[in-house]
N, C-alpha and C. Protein backbone atom coordinates (compact mmCIF):
# COMPACT_ATOMS: atom_id res chain seq x y z
N MET A 1 0.85 -1.17 0.00
CA MET A 1 0.00 0.00 0.00
C MET A 1 0.89 1.23 0.00
N LYS A 2 0.59 2.19 -0.86
CA LYS A 2 1.43 3.38 -0.95
C LYS A 2 1.16 4.34 0.21
N ASN A 3 -0.02 4.95 0.25
CA ASN A 3 -0.37 5.90 1.30
C ASN A 3 -1.85 5.77 1.64
N ILE A 4 -2.20 6.30 2.79
CA ILE A 4 -3.60 6.41 3.21
C ILE A 4 -3.85 7.89 3.43
N VAL A 5 -4.96 8.40 2.87
CA VAL A 5 -5.31 9.81 3.02
C VAL A 5 -6.66 9.89 3.73
N LEU A 6 -6.69 10.62 4.84
CA LEU A 6 -7.92 10.86 5.58
C LEU A 6 -8.39 12.27 5.26
N VAL A 7 -9.64 12.38 4.81
CA VAL A 7 -10.20 13.67 4.42
C VAL A 7 -11.49 13.88 5.19
N GLY A 8 -11.70 15.09 5.69
CA GLY A 8 -12.94 15.38 6.40
C GLY A 8 -12.97 16.80 6.91
N PHE A 9 -14.10 17.14 7.50
CA PHE A 9 -14.30 18.48 8.04
C PHE A 9 -13.41 18.71 9.26
N MET A 10 -13.20 19.96 9.59
CA MET A 10 -12.42 20.36 10.75
C MET A 10 -13.06 19.77 12.02
N GLY A 11 -12.21 19.24 12.88
CA GLY A 11 -12.69 18.75 14.16
C GLY A 11 -13.29 17.35 14.15
N THR A 12 -13.15 16.62 13.06
CA THR A 12 -13.75 15.28 12.98
C THR A 12 -12.82 14.17 13.43
N GLY A 13 -11.59 14.50 13.79
CA GLY A 13 -10.68 13.50 14.32
C GLY A 13 -9.68 12.93 13.34
N LYS A 14 -9.48 13.59 12.22
CA LYS A 14 -8.54 13.08 11.21
C LYS A 14 -7.13 12.93 11.77
N THR A 15 -6.66 13.91 12.49
CA THR A 15 -5.30 13.86 13.02
C THR A 15 -5.18 12.76 14.07
N PHE A 16 -6.15 12.66 14.95
CA PHE A 16 -6.12 11.62 15.98
C PHE A 16 -6.12 10.23 15.34
N VAL A 17 -7.07 10.00 14.45
CA VAL A 17 -7.17 8.70 13.78
C VAL A 17 -5.92 8.44 12.94
N GLY A 18 -5.45 9.47 12.24
CA GLY A 18 -4.26 9.33 11.41
C GLY A 18 -3.05 8.89 12.20
N LYS A 19 -2.85 9.48 13.37
CA LYS A 19 -1.72 9.10 14.22
C LYS A 19 -1.85 7.66 14.70
N GLU A 20 -3.06 7.26 15.06
CA GLU A 20 -3.29 5.89 15.52
C GLU A 20 -3.03 4.88 14.40
N VAL A 21 -3.56 5.15 13.22
CA VAL A 21 -3.37 4.25 12.08
C VAL A 21 -1.89 4.17 11.71
N ALA A 22 -1.24 5.31 11.67
CA ALA A 22 0.19 5.34 11.33
C ALA A 22 1.01 4.51 12.32
N GLN A 23 0.70 4.65 13.58
CA GLN A 23 1.43 3.90 14.60
C GLN A 23 1.24 2.40 14.41
N ARG A 24 0.02 1.98 14.17
CA ARG A 24 -0.27 0.55 14.01
C ARG A 24 0.38 -0.04 12.77
N LEU A 25 0.43 0.76 11.69
CA LEU A 25 1.01 0.27 10.44
C LEU A 25 2.51 0.53 10.34
N LYS A 26 3.03 1.27 11.32
CA LYS A 26 4.44 1.70 11.28
C LYS A 26 4.70 2.61 10.07
N TYR A 27 3.73 3.48 9.82
CA TYR A 27 3.82 4.50 8.78
C TYR A 27 4.12 5.84 9.46
N GLU A 28 4.46 6.81 8.66
CA GLU A 28 4.64 8.18 9.16
C GLU A 28 3.31 8.92 9.00
N HIS A 29 2.96 9.70 10.01
CA HIS A 29 1.74 10.52 9.91
C HIS A 29 2.11 11.94 9.49
N ILE A 30 1.38 12.46 8.51
CA ILE A 30 1.57 13.83 8.03
C ILE A 30 0.22 14.54 8.11
N ASP A 31 0.18 15.68 8.76
CA ASP A 31 -1.02 16.52 8.78
C ASP A 31 -0.72 17.74 7.90
N ILE A 32 -1.44 17.86 6.81
CA ILE A 32 -1.18 18.93 5.84
C ILE A 32 -1.32 20.30 6.49
N ASP A 33 -2.37 20.50 7.28
CA ASP A 33 -2.56 21.80 7.93
C ASP A 33 -1.39 22.13 8.86
N GLU A 34 -0.91 21.13 9.60
CA GLU A 34 0.23 21.37 10.50
C GLU A 34 1.48 21.78 9.73
N LEU A 35 1.71 21.13 8.59
CA LEU A 35 2.87 21.50 7.77
C LEU A 35 2.76 22.94 7.27
N ILE A 36 1.55 23.32 6.85
CA ILE A 36 1.34 24.68 6.36
C ILE A 36 1.51 25.68 7.50
N GLU A 37 0.94 25.38 8.66
CA GLU A 37 1.09 26.28 9.81
C GLU A 37 2.56 26.48 10.18
N LYS A 38 3.33 25.42 10.14
CA LYS A 38 4.76 25.54 10.46
C LYS A 38 5.49 26.37 9.41
N SER A 39 5.21 26.12 8.14
CA SER A 39 5.94 26.84 7.09
C SER A 39 5.55 28.31 7.04
N GLU A 40 4.31 28.62 7.37
CA GLU A 40 3.83 30.01 7.34
C GLU A 40 3.99 30.70 8.69
N ASP A 41 4.27 29.94 9.74
CA ASP A 41 4.40 30.44 11.10
C ASP A 41 3.14 31.18 11.55
N MET A 42 1.99 30.61 11.20
CA MET A 42 0.71 31.14 11.67
C MET A 42 -0.36 30.07 11.54
N LYS A 43 -1.44 30.25 12.26
CA LYS A 43 -2.56 29.31 12.24
C LYS A 43 -3.32 29.41 10.92
N ILE A 44 -4.00 28.32 10.56
CA ILE A 44 -4.76 28.28 9.31
C ILE A 44 -5.78 29.42 9.25
N ALA A 45 -6.50 29.64 10.35
CA ALA A 45 -7.50 30.72 10.37
C ALA A 45 -6.86 32.07 10.06
N ASP A 46 -5.66 32.29 10.56
CA ASP A 46 -4.97 33.56 10.30
C ASP A 46 -4.50 33.65 8.86
N ILE A 47 -4.11 32.52 8.28
CA ILE A 47 -3.71 32.51 6.87
C ILE A 47 -4.91 32.90 6.01
N PHE A 48 -6.08 32.32 6.30
CA PHE A 48 -7.30 32.65 5.56
C PHE A 48 -7.63 34.13 5.69
N LYS A 49 -7.56 34.66 6.90
CA LYS A 49 -7.89 36.07 7.13
C LYS A 49 -6.91 37.00 6.42
N ARG A 50 -5.64 36.68 6.51
CA ARG A 50 -4.62 37.58 5.97
C ARG A 50 -4.44 37.46 4.46
N PHE A 51 -4.45 36.23 3.96
CA PHE A 51 -4.11 36.01 2.55
C PHE A 51 -5.26 35.48 1.70
N GLY A 52 -6.28 34.91 2.33
CA GLY A 52 -7.42 34.38 1.59
C GLY A 52 -7.30 32.89 1.28
N GLU A 53 -8.43 32.34 0.85
CA GLU A 53 -8.49 30.90 0.58
C GLU A 53 -7.61 30.48 -0.58
N ALA A 54 -7.55 31.29 -1.64
CA ALA A 54 -6.74 30.92 -2.81
C ALA A 54 -5.28 30.72 -2.42
N TYR A 55 -4.77 31.58 -1.58
CA TYR A 55 -3.38 31.46 -1.11
C TYR A 55 -3.20 30.15 -0.34
N PHE A 56 -4.13 29.88 0.57
CA PHE A 56 -4.05 28.65 1.36
C PHE A 56 -4.09 27.42 0.45
N ARG A 57 -4.97 27.42 -0.55
CA ARG A 57 -5.07 26.27 -1.46
C ARG A 57 -3.78 26.07 -2.26
N GLU A 58 -3.11 27.15 -2.59
CA GLU A 58 -1.81 27.02 -3.27
C GLU A 58 -0.78 26.37 -2.35
N ARG A 59 -0.81 26.72 -1.07
CA ARG A 59 0.11 26.10 -0.11
C ARG A 59 -0.20 24.60 0.00
N GLU A 60 -1.50 24.27 0.02
CA GLU A 60 -1.90 22.85 0.05
C GLU A 60 -1.35 22.10 -1.16
N LYS A 61 -1.50 22.70 -2.33
CA LYS A 61 -0.99 22.06 -3.55
C LYS A 61 0.50 21.80 -3.47
N GLU A 62 1.23 22.76 -2.92
CA GLU A 62 2.68 22.60 -2.77
C GLU A 62 3.01 21.43 -1.84
N VAL A 63 2.30 21.34 -0.73
CA VAL A 63 2.54 20.25 0.21
C VAL A 63 2.24 18.91 -0.44
N VAL A 64 1.10 18.82 -1.12
CA VAL A 64 0.72 17.57 -1.79
C VAL A 64 1.76 17.20 -2.85
N ALA A 65 2.22 18.17 -3.61
CA ALA A 65 3.23 17.91 -4.63
C ALA A 65 4.51 17.35 -4.00
N ASN A 66 4.87 17.86 -2.83
CA ASN A 66 6.08 17.38 -2.15
C ASN A 66 5.92 15.98 -1.57
N LEU A 67 4.68 15.54 -1.38
CA LEU A 67 4.43 14.23 -0.79
C LEU A 67 4.14 13.15 -1.82
N LYS A 68 3.88 13.54 -3.06
CA LYS A 68 3.34 12.60 -4.05
C LYS A 68 4.23 11.40 -4.33
N ASP A 69 5.52 11.51 -4.17
CA ASP A 69 6.41 10.39 -4.46
C ASP A 69 6.83 9.61 -3.22
N ARG A 70 6.31 10.00 -2.07
CA ARG A 70 6.65 9.30 -0.82
C ARG A 70 5.66 8.17 -0.57
N GLU A 71 6.10 7.18 0.17
CA GLU A 71 5.26 6.03 0.48
C GLU A 71 5.18 5.81 1.98
N ASN A 72 4.24 4.97 2.37
CA ASN A 72 4.05 4.59 3.77
C ASN A 72 3.71 5.78 4.65
N LEU A 73 2.80 6.60 4.15
CA LEU A 73 2.33 7.76 4.89
C LEU A 73 0.85 7.61 5.20
N VAL A 74 0.43 8.16 6.33
CA VAL A 74 -0.97 8.40 6.62
C VAL A 74 -1.09 9.91 6.63
N ILE A 75 -1.88 10.45 5.71
CA ILE A 75 -1.97 11.90 5.51
C ILE A 75 -3.34 12.38 5.95
N SER A 76 -3.37 13.38 6.83
CA SER A 76 -4.61 14.02 7.25
C SER A 76 -4.78 15.30 6.46
N ALA A 77 -5.94 15.44 5.81
CA ALA A 77 -6.20 16.61 4.97
C ALA A 77 -7.61 17.12 5.20
N GLY A 78 -7.79 18.42 5.09
CA GLY A 78 -9.12 19.01 5.21
C GLY A 78 -9.98 18.69 4.00
N GLY A 79 -11.28 18.77 4.17
CA GLY A 79 -12.22 18.44 3.10
C GLY A 79 -12.08 19.28 1.86
N GLY A 80 -11.62 20.51 1.99
CA GLY A 80 -11.46 21.39 0.85
C GLY A 80 -10.43 20.92 -0.15
N ILE A 81 -9.55 20.05 0.27
CA ILE A 81 -8.50 19.56 -0.63
C ILE A 81 -9.10 18.81 -1.81
N MET A 82 -10.25 18.20 -1.61
CA MET A 82 -10.90 17.44 -2.69
C MET A 82 -11.41 18.37 -3.79
N LEU A 83 -11.70 19.59 -3.44
CA LEU A 83 -12.25 20.54 -4.41
C LEU A 83 -11.18 21.21 -5.26
N PHE A 84 -9.97 21.26 -4.75
CA PHE A 84 -8.94 22.08 -5.39
C PHE A 84 -7.73 21.31 -5.88
N GLN A 85 -7.68 20.01 -5.70
CA GLN A 85 -6.52 19.23 -6.13
C GLN A 85 -6.79 18.53 -7.43
């Protein structure tokens, strides 16, 4: 199996479940929002307020592009990723 991607609304437990699944499978867990928050040094809500949704979606695309060739990942992603990828 290459990767597992968990997609859903905010607060539905994607990160929690993703970490549990990754641990059981001995995969690495990646949370797309956490990566973006670290790279931008601000919370997702602040990114939306300051730069807008289009900017955030571009950051998501960059993260996904950087992960596309990696394997054995459990990736947590927000529901909006399905609309813009």
